Protein backbone atom coordinates (compact mmCIF):
# COMPACT_ATOMS: atom_id res chain seq x y z
CA MET A 1 30.30 154.31 152.00
CA ASP A 2 26.69 153.43 151.23
CA TYR A 3 27.86 150.42 149.24
CA LEU A 4 30.91 149.40 151.24
CA LEU A 5 29.87 149.78 154.89
CA PRO A 6 27.25 147.01 155.04
CA VAL A 7 29.73 144.55 153.56
CA ALA A 8 32.71 145.76 155.60
CA THR A 9 30.79 145.39 158.86
CA GLY A 10 29.34 141.99 157.94
CA ALA A 11 25.74 143.23 157.83
CA THR A 12 25.38 142.00 154.25
CA ALA A 13 27.26 139.54 152.04
CA TRP A 14 29.59 140.63 149.25
CA PRO A 15 27.36 140.67 146.15
CA HIS A 16 30.10 139.83 143.65
CA PRO A 17 31.17 136.20 144.13
CA GLU A 18 33.42 136.43 141.07
CA LEU A 19 35.58 138.97 142.95
CA GLU A 20 37.35 137.90 146.11
CA PHE A 21 36.64 140.24 149.03
CA HIS A 22 37.96 140.20 152.56
CA ARG A 23 36.12 142.40 155.04
CA TYR A 24 39.36 143.63 156.56
CA ALA A 25 40.41 145.04 153.17
CA ALA A 26 37.99 147.93 153.71
CA THR A 27 39.49 148.97 157.05
CA ASP A 28 41.65 151.84 155.75
CA VAL A 29 38.84 153.22 153.58
CA VAL A 30 36.42 153.23 156.51
CA HIS A 31 39.02 154.83 158.78
CA ALA A 32 39.68 157.55 156.19
CA ALA A 33 35.96 158.25 155.82
CA ALA A 34 35.58 158.45 159.61
CA ASP A 35 38.53 160.84 159.84
CA ALA A 36 36.93 162.95 157.09
CA GLY A 37 33.81 163.29 159.24
CA ASP A 38 31.46 160.57 158.00
CA PRO A 39 29.36 159.67 161.07
CA ARG A 40 28.32 156.28 159.65
CA ALA A 41 31.94 155.31 159.09
CA ARG A 42 32.88 156.47 162.59
CA LYS A 43 30.10 154.32 164.06
CA ALA A 44 31.13 151.33 161.91
CA LEU A 45 34.75 151.30 163.13
CA ALA A 46 33.84 149.09 166.09
CA SER A 47 32.30 146.50 163.75
CA LEU A 48 35.25 146.09 161.41
CA GLU A 49 37.18 142.85 161.12
CA ALA A 50 40.81 143.39 162.13
CA PRO A 51 43.32 142.91 159.32
CA PRO A 52 45.97 140.19 159.70
CA GLY A 53 48.65 141.73 161.89
CA GLY A 54 46.21 144.15 163.48
CA ASP A 55 44.75 147.52 162.62
CA LEU A 56 47.67 149.85 161.92
CA TRP A 57 45.66 152.97 161.06
CA LEU A 58 46.81 154.89 164.13
CA LEU A 59 50.45 154.24 163.20
CA ARG A 60 50.16 155.66 159.68
CA PRO A 61 51.48 159.18 159.10
CA ALA A 62 48.92 161.95 158.65
CA PRO A 63 48.58 163.21 155.06
CA GLU A 64 50.28 166.48 155.95
CA GLN A 65 53.33 164.52 157.15
CA LEU A 66 53.85 162.84 153.77
CA ASP A 67 56.19 164.21 151.14
CA SER A 68 54.49 166.12 148.35
CA ILE A 69 54.30 164.38 144.98
CA ALA A 70 53.47 167.67 143.26
CA GLY A 71 57.05 168.06 142.00
């Protein structure tokens, strides 16, 4: 989060011009960190750029609702 949040919120520029980066691509990672209790991520949610088609985080199933891949 220390590296990603400033770029995801637009506070700093992406430092790797050779790699394409869209701010909205970090939305799910920031949401997951906020849900895991990271206060900086929770605060940053309001500053995120919405992905094309909108932010669908609230529509995703919770991890405990997913089928196990443990076999």
